[in-house]
Protein backbone atom coordinates (compact mmCIF):
# COMPACT_ATOMS: atom_id res chain seq x y z
CA MET A 1 -33.50 23.96 46.98
CA GLY A 2 -33.33 27.79 46.85
CA LEU A 3 -33.78 29.90 43.76
CA ARG A 4 -30.05 30.63 43.66
CA ASN A 5 -29.27 26.91 43.60
CA TRP A 6 -31.78 26.37 40.80
CA PHE A 7 -30.20 29.01 38.59
CA SER A 8 -26.72 27.80 39.52
CA PHE A 9 -27.59 24.28 38.37
CA CYS A 10 -29.04 25.61 35.11
CA SER A 11 -25.99 27.76 34.30
CA PRO A 12 -23.87 27.14 31.14
CA MET A 13 -20.89 26.15 33.30
CA SER A 14 -22.96 23.39 34.88
CA PHE A 15 -23.92 22.05 31.44
CA ARG A 16 -20.28 22.20 30.36
CA ASN A 17 -19.23 20.16 33.39
CA MET A 18 -21.98 17.66 32.62
CA PHE A 19 -20.76 17.25 29.05
CA GLN A 20 -17.16 16.91 30.21
CA ALA A 21 -18.11 14.18 32.66
CA ARG A 22 -20.06 12.37 29.94
CA GLU A 23 -17.12 12.68 27.54
CA ASN A 24 -14.69 11.39 30.16
CA GLU A 25 -16.98 8.43 30.78
CA ILE A 26 -17.06 7.62 27.06
CA GLU A 27 -13.32 8.14 26.63
CA LEU A 28 -12.72 5.54 29.30
CA GLY A 29 -14.73 3.11 27.20
CA GLY A 30 -17.01 2.06 30.04
CA ARG A 31 -20.18 2.46 27.99
CA TYR A 32 -19.30 0.44 24.88
CA THR A 33 -18.72 -3.12 26.04
CA ILE A 34 -19.53 -6.43 24.42
CA LYS A 35 -22.31 -6.97 26.95
CA SER A 36 -23.96 -3.59 26.44
CA HIS A 37 -23.44 -2.95 22.71
CA GLY A 38 -21.96 -6.10 21.17
CA ARG A 39 -25.21 -7.66 20.01
CA GLN A 40 -26.50 -4.42 18.53
CA LEU A 41 -23.22 -3.82 16.69
CA ALA A 42 -23.10 -7.34 15.25
CA ARG A 43 -26.74 -7.04 14.15
CA SER A 44 -26.00 -3.80 12.31
CA HIS A 45 -23.22 -5.61 10.36
CA LYS A 46 -25.10 -8.86 9.77
CA HIS A 47 -24.85 -8.52 6.00
CA ASP A 48 -21.07 -8.11 6.28
CA TRP A 49 -20.82 -11.33 8.26
CA LEU A 50 -22.96 -13.13 5.68
CA ILE A 51 -20.61 -11.92 2.94
CA LEU A 52 -17.69 -13.27 4.96
CA ILE A 53 -19.34 -16.69 5.03
CA LEU A 54 -19.85 -16.50 1.27
CA LEU A 55 -16.20 -15.57 0.74
CA ALA A 56 -15.10 -18.51 2.91
CA ALA A 57 -17.25 -20.88 0.80
CA ILE A 58 -15.75 -19.49 -2.42
CA GLU A 59 -12.25 -19.88 -1.01
CA ILE A 60 -12.87 -23.54 -0.14
CA THR A 61 -14.28 -24.18 -3.61
CA LEU A 62 -11.27 -22.60 -5.31
CA ASN A 63 -8.96 -24.93 -3.38
CA ILE A 64 -10.97 -28.00 -4.35
CA ILE A 65 -11.22 -27.44 -8.11
CA HIS A 66 -8.32 -28.20 -10.44
CA PRO A 67 -6.24 -25.35 -11.84
CA PHE A 68 -5.64 -24.80 -15.53
CA TYR A 69 -3.00 -27.31 -16.69
CA ARG A 70 -0.80 -25.06 -18.76
CA PHE A 71 1.33 -26.41 -21.60
CA VAL A 72 4.78 -27.36 -20.29
CA GLY A 73 7.23 -28.35 -22.99
CA GLU A 74 10.60 -30.03 -22.72
CA GLY A 75 12.43 -26.78 -23.37
CA MET A 76 10.71 -25.15 -20.39
CA MET A 77 12.01 -27.75 -17.94
CA THR A 78 15.36 -25.97 -17.57
CA ASP A 79 13.82 -23.53 -15.07
CA LEU A 80 11.56 -26.12 -13.43
CA ARG A 81 14.10 -28.67 -12.21
CA TYR A 82 14.62 -27.31 -8.71
CA PRO A 83 14.40 -29.94 -5.96
CA MET A 84 11.22 -30.56 -3.99
CA LYS A 85 11.57 -29.29 -0.42
CA GLU A 86 9.38 -29.03 2.64
CA ASN A 87 7.87 -25.66 3.50
CA THR A 88 9.98 -23.58 5.86
CA VAL A 89 6.72 -21.94 6.95
CA PRO A 90 4.06 -24.71 7.05
CA ILE A 91 0.65 -23.87 5.74
CA TRP A 92 -1.02 -24.33 9.15
CA ALA A 93 1.22 -21.59 10.57
CA VAL A 94 -0.08 -18.93 8.17
CA PRO A 95 -3.48 -18.37 9.87
CA MET A 96 -1.72 -18.48 13.24
CA TYR A 97 0.39 -15.37 12.64
CA ALA A 98 -1.73 -13.69 9.94
CA VAL A 99 -5.13 -14.01 11.70
CA LEU A 100 -4.90 -15.20 15.30
CA LEU A 101 -1.95 -12.99 16.27
CA PRO A 102 -3.65 -9.75 15.13
CA ILE A 103 -6.90 -10.81 16.82
CA ALA A 104 -4.96 -11.39 20.07
CA VAL A 105 -3.68 -7.80 19.79
CA PHE A 106 -7.23 -6.53 19.19
CA VAL A 107 -8.53 -8.40 22.24
CA PHE A 108 -5.68 -7.06 24.38
CA TYR A 109 -6.55 -3.51 23.38
CA TYR A 110 -10.23 -4.14 24.11
CA LEU A 111 -9.42 -5.41 27.60
CA ARG A 112 -7.49 -2.21 28.28
CA ARG A 113 -9.97 0.27 26.78
CA GLY A 114 -13.29 -1.58 26.64
CA ASP A 115 -14.48 -0.28 23.26
CA VAL A 116 -16.46 -2.95 21.42
CA HIS A 117 -16.54 -0.82 18.25
CA ASP A 118 -12.78 -1.14 17.96
CA LEU A 119 -12.79 -4.90 18.64
CA HIS A 120 -15.67 -5.70 16.28
CA ASN A 121 -14.49 -3.56 13.37
CA SER A 122 -10.86 -4.61 13.63
CA VAL A 123 -11.78 -8.31 13.58
CA LEU A 124 -14.29 -7.77 10.76
CA GLY A 125 -11.78 -5.76 8.72
CA LEU A 126 -9.03 -8.32 9.23
CA LEU A 127 -11.25 -11.22 8.15
CA PHE A 128 -12.34 -9.31 5.08
CA ALA A 129 -8.69 -8.58 4.25
CA VAL A 130 -7.51 -12.20 4.42
CA LEU A 131 -10.59 -13.72 2.76
CA ILE A 132 -10.73 -11.25 -0.12
CA THR A 133 -6.98 -11.75 -0.58
CA GLY A 134 -7.44 -15.52 -0.49
CA VAL A 135 -10.22 -15.47 -3.09
CA LEU A 136 -8.24 -13.20 -5.42
CA THR A 137 -5.06 -15.23 -5.01
CA ASP A 138 -6.61 -18.65 -5.54
CA ALA A 139 -8.80 -17.49 -8.41
CA ILE A 140 -5.70 -16.20 -10.22
CA LYS A 141 -3.80 -19.39 -9.33
CA ASP A 142 -6.47 -21.59 -10.89
CA ALA A 143 -6.82 -19.40 -13.96
CA VAL A 144 -3.10 -19.00 -14.71
CA GLY A 145 -1.87 -22.50 -13.84
CA ARG A 146 1.80 -21.51 -13.78
CA PRO A 147 4.11 -24.44 -12.89
CA ARG A 148 6.20 -24.22 -9.76
CA PRO A 149 10.03 -24.21 -9.89
CA ASP A 150 10.05 -27.87 -8.71
CA PHE A 151 7.45 -28.96 -11.28
CA PHE A 152 9.78 -31.48 -13.00
CA TRP A 153 10.06 -33.66 -9.89
CA ARG A 154 6.35 -33.35 -9.18
CA CYS A 155 5.58 -34.50 -12.70
CA PHE A 156 8.38 -37.09 -13.00
CA PRO A 157 9.31 -38.27 -9.47
CA ASP A 158 11.55 -41.00 -10.93
CA GLY A 159 13.41 -38.52 -13.12
CA LYS A 160 12.18 -40.10 -16.38
CA ASP A 161 10.37 -37.43 -18.39
CA ALA A 162 7.79 -38.16 -21.07
CA TYR A 163 5.98 -35.95 -23.60
CA ASP A 164 3.10 -36.32 -26.01
CA ARG A 165 3.17 -35.64 -29.75
CA TRP A 166 2.66 -31.90 -29.18
CA GLY A 167 5.59 -31.80 -26.80
CA ASN A 168 3.50 -31.37 -23.66
CA VAL A 169 4.41 -33.24 -20.48
CA VAL A 170 2.82 -36.59 -19.69
CA CYS A 171 3.09 -36.67 -15.92
CA HIS A 172 3.12 -39.90 -13.92
CA GLY A 173 3.53 -38.40 -10.45
CA LYS A 174 0.96 -38.13 -7.64
CA ASP A 175 -2.19 -36.31 -8.66
CA SER A 176 -2.05 -34.05 -5.60
CA ASP A 177 1.56 -33.06 -6.34
CA ILE A 178 0.76 -32.33 -9.98
CA LYS A 179 -2.31 -30.32 -9.05
CA GLU A 180 -0.32 -28.29 -6.54
CA GLY A 181 2.49 -27.93 -9.07
CA HIS A 182 0.27 -25.76 -11.30
CA LYS A 183 -0.43 -23.17 -8.56
CA SER A 184 2.69 -21.07 -8.58
CA PHE A 185 1.33 -17.60 -9.46
CA PRO A 186 0.73 -15.73 -7.20
CA SER A 187 2.10 -16.87 -3.83
CA GLY A 188 -0.66 -17.67 -1.34
CA HIS A 189 1.66 -17.72 1.68
CA THR A 190 2.90 -14.26 0.78
CA SER A 191 -0.48 -12.71 -0.02
CA TRP A 192 -2.07 -13.98 3.20
CA SER A 193 0.95 -12.88 5.23
CA PHE A 194 0.86 -9.38 3.82
CA ALA A 195 -2.92 -9.15 4.20
CA GLY A 196 -2.95 -10.04 7.90
CA LEU A 197 0.30 -8.38 8.95
CA THR A 198 -0.26 -5.19 6.95
CA PHE A 199 -3.63 -4.80 8.67
CA LEU A 200 -1.89 -5.33 12.02
CA SER A 201 0.80 -2.80 11.12
CA LEU A 202 -1.79 -0.14 10.21
CA TYR A 203 -3.73 -0.90 13.38
CA LEU A 204 -0.65 -0.46 15.56
CA ALA A 205 0.34 2.72 13.72
CA GLY A 206 -3.00 4.27 14.56
CA LYS A 207 -3.04 3.16 18.18
CA ILE A 208 0.45 4.40 19.06
CA LYS A 209 -0.01 7.56 16.93
CA CYS A 210 3.08 6.81 14.90
CA PHE A 211 2.65 9.80 12.60
CA ASP A 212 2.01 12.47 15.24
CA SER A 213 4.84 14.72 13.93
CA LYS A 214 6.89 14.22 17.08
CA GLY A 215 9.64 12.24 15.36
CA HIS A 216 9.64 9.09 17.52
CA VAL A 217 11.44 6.64 15.22
CA ALA A 218 10.95 3.81 17.74
CA LYS A 219 7.24 3.83 16.86
CA LEU A 220 8.08 3.46 13.19
CA CYS A 221 10.35 0.51 13.94
CA LEU A 222 7.52 -1.19 15.82
CA ILE A 223 5.03 -1.01 12.96
CA ILE A 224 7.65 -2.17 10.44
CA LEU A 225 8.16 -5.47 12.29
CA PRO A 226 4.96 -7.12 10.95
CA LEU A 227 5.88 -6.06 7.41
CA LEU A 228 9.37 -7.46 7.85
CA ALA A 229 7.89 -10.79 8.96
CA ALA A 230 5.69 -10.89 5.85
CA CYS A 231 8.71 -10.15 3.64
CA LEU A 232 10.68 -13.00 5.23
CA VAL A 233 7.79 -15.39 4.59
CA GLY A 234 7.84 -14.37 0.93
CA ILE A 235 11.60 -14.91 0.71
CA SER A 236 11.22 -18.37 2.22
CA ARG A 237 8.87 -19.31 -0.63
CA VAL A 238 11.60 -18.61 -3.17
CA ASP A 239 14.25 -20.34 -1.05
CA ASP A 240 12.05 -23.45 -0.80
CA TYR A 241 11.62 -23.48 -4.61
CA TRP A 242 7.85 -23.35 -4.29
CA HIS A 243 7.58 -20.01 -6.10
CA HIS A 244 9.30 -17.77 -8.60
CA TRP A 245 10.17 -14.27 -7.43
CA GLN A 246 7.40 -12.80 -9.59
CA ASP A 247 4.87 -14.95 -7.71
CA VAL A 248 6.03 -13.58 -4.39
CA PHE A 249 6.04 -9.98 -5.61
CA ALA A 250 2.50 -10.26 -6.97
CA GLY A 251 1.22 -12.00 -3.82
CA GLY A 252 2.72 -9.36 -1.56
CA LEU A 253 1.21 -6.56 -3.64
CA ILE A 254 -2.26 -8.14 -3.54
CA GLY A 255 -2.16 -8.60 0.23
CA LEU A 256 -0.81 -5.10 0.84
CA VAL A 257 -3.41 -3.32 -1.29
CA VAL A 258 -6.40 -5.35 -0.07
CA ALA A 259 -5.43 -4.97 3.60
CA THR A 260 -5.05 -1.21 3.24
CA MET A 261 -8.43 -0.88 1.52
CA CYS A 262 -10.17 -3.01 4.17
CA TYR A 263 -8.53 -1.10 7.02
CA LEU A 264 -9.64 2.27 5.62
CA GLN A 265 -13.22 0.99 5.47
CA PHE A 266 -13.35 0.93 9.27
CA PHE A 267 -10.56 3.22 10.51
CA PRO A 268 -9.20 6.64 9.54
CA ALA A 269 -5.69 6.69 8.08
CA PRO A 270 -2.99 6.29 10.78
CA TYR A 271 -1.66 9.81 10.14
CA HIS A 272 -5.13 11.30 10.79
CA SER A 273 -5.71 13.09 14.10
CA GLU A 274 -8.45 10.54 14.89
CA GLY A 275 -6.54 7.59 13.46
CA TRP A 276 -6.44 5.87 16.86
CA GLY A 277 -10.15 4.89 16.77
CA PRO A 278 -12.70 3.41 14.34
CA TYR A 279 -15.29 5.53 12.54
CA ALA A 280 -18.06 3.75 14.48
CA TYR A 281 -16.66 4.92 17.81
CA PHE A 282 -16.71 8.58 16.82
CA ARG A 283 -20.23 8.25 15.41
CA ALA A 284 -21.37 6.75 18.70
CA LEU A 285 -19.60 9.57 20.53
CA GLU A 286 -21.41 12.20 18.47
CA GLU A 287 -24.76 10.50 19.02
CA SER A 288 -24.11 10.34 22.74
CA HIS A 289 -23.18 14.03 22.83
CA SER A 290 -26.31 14.93 20.86
CA THR A 291 -28.47 12.94 23.28
CA ALA A 292 -26.74 14.49 26.26
CA THR A 293 -27.19 18.00 24.82
CA ALA A 294 -30.89 17.42 24.13
CA THR A 295 -31.43 15.96 27.60
CA ALA A 296 -29.52 18.75 29.31
CA THR A 297 -31.36 21.42 27.30
CA GLY A 298 -34.72 19.85 28.16
CA ASN A 299 -33.81 19.64 31.84
CA GLY A 300 -32.63 23.24 31.78
CA ILE A 301 -35.90 24.45 30.28
CA ILE A 302 -37.90 22.53 32.88
CA MET A 303 -35.73 23.88 35.69
CA GLN A 304 -36.02 27.43 34.40
CA ARG A 305 -39.81 27.08 34.17
CA THR A 306 -39.91 25.67 37.69
CA ALA A 307 -37.79 28.55 38.95
CA THR A 308 -40.01 31.07 37.14
CA ASN A 309 -43.13 29.52 38.64
CA ALA A 310 -41.53 29.60 42.06
CA ASN A 311 -40.70 33.29 41.63
CA ASN A 312 -44.25 34.06 40.46
CA PHE A 313 -45.67 32.15 43.41
CA ALA A 314 -43.41 34.06 45.82
CA ASP A 315 -44.37 37.39 44.24
CA GLN A 316 -48.06 36.54 44.53
CA ASN A 317 -47.68 35.67 48.21
CA LEU A 318 -45.76 38.87 48.81
CA ASP A 319 -48.44 40.94 47.08
CA SER A 320 -51.14 39.24 49.14
CA SER A 321 -49.25 40.05 52.34
CA PHE A 322 -48.93 43.69 51.36
CA ASP A 323 -52.68 43.86 50.56
CA ALA A 324 -53.56 42.35 53.89
CA MET A 325 -51.35 44.80 55.76
CA GLU A 326 -52.87 47.75 53.95
CA SER A 327 -56.40 46.49 54.64
CA GLY A 328 -55.57 46.23 58.37
CA ARG A 329 -54.32 49.77 58.51
CA ARG A 330 -57.52 51.01 56.99
């Protein structure tokens, strides 16, 4: 390689092209796959996953223990005589649309882009959102012990009410129905729905750049759909007489706030210029650029030294030739 080629390779334009190629490679997501970086990423968040397991254990415990059996007098039964109905949205369906549906969207995006940071942090943030919401909801349920609107028929399935000397109910219904009848506030269906679907809505808003100041209302309609579904679930809880409207309102507020907080732990706000990617991705991008800059700078110094040595060697040979020619003439 000639001296001109050496200096051409070491030029600033060559370094700029190298950085651009590296950035294009990273933007395509080819470097951050589950196979190449998944294990390292999961290891760096091992404490977060342990906390998730702890939250799941707490959630199971809160569903096993009995809630506070609040005083329910005869005069209170006027608002608690609604009929017992089946759930319009069964309990097994809640994790299907609040957890599995968002994860399916995360996986689809990963298959298109190939960024394991986005997949890992979105799944981790979603699980934190629903589990924290579940723990808060069930802890409040057990502590408050508010009777459901259909409590009368849970307590007295034959319609014959009975009370003790203090005027409190003496239930003779099924223990499981009575236990569940004291878990009205707040609504678990609603809080879980808002937790999972709000997280999904924020995720979609960032990915499609909903708030890019271009005025595409269709994008806004798309991210509202998950929130609308959560609202309809909450309405169904009132229509089924499983909850009072205050229960649904409180559950929706808990899920909405917790999901937003968990999302912002891993992603910039959707209206941010970098709202389409997780914080971890941009950190990895900066580290990669720093490594590339250091490597390119080191290579440039070596190449420049090599070129300088080559020039010195050529000058020495040229001087030797001149000396020999002059000696011959003498």
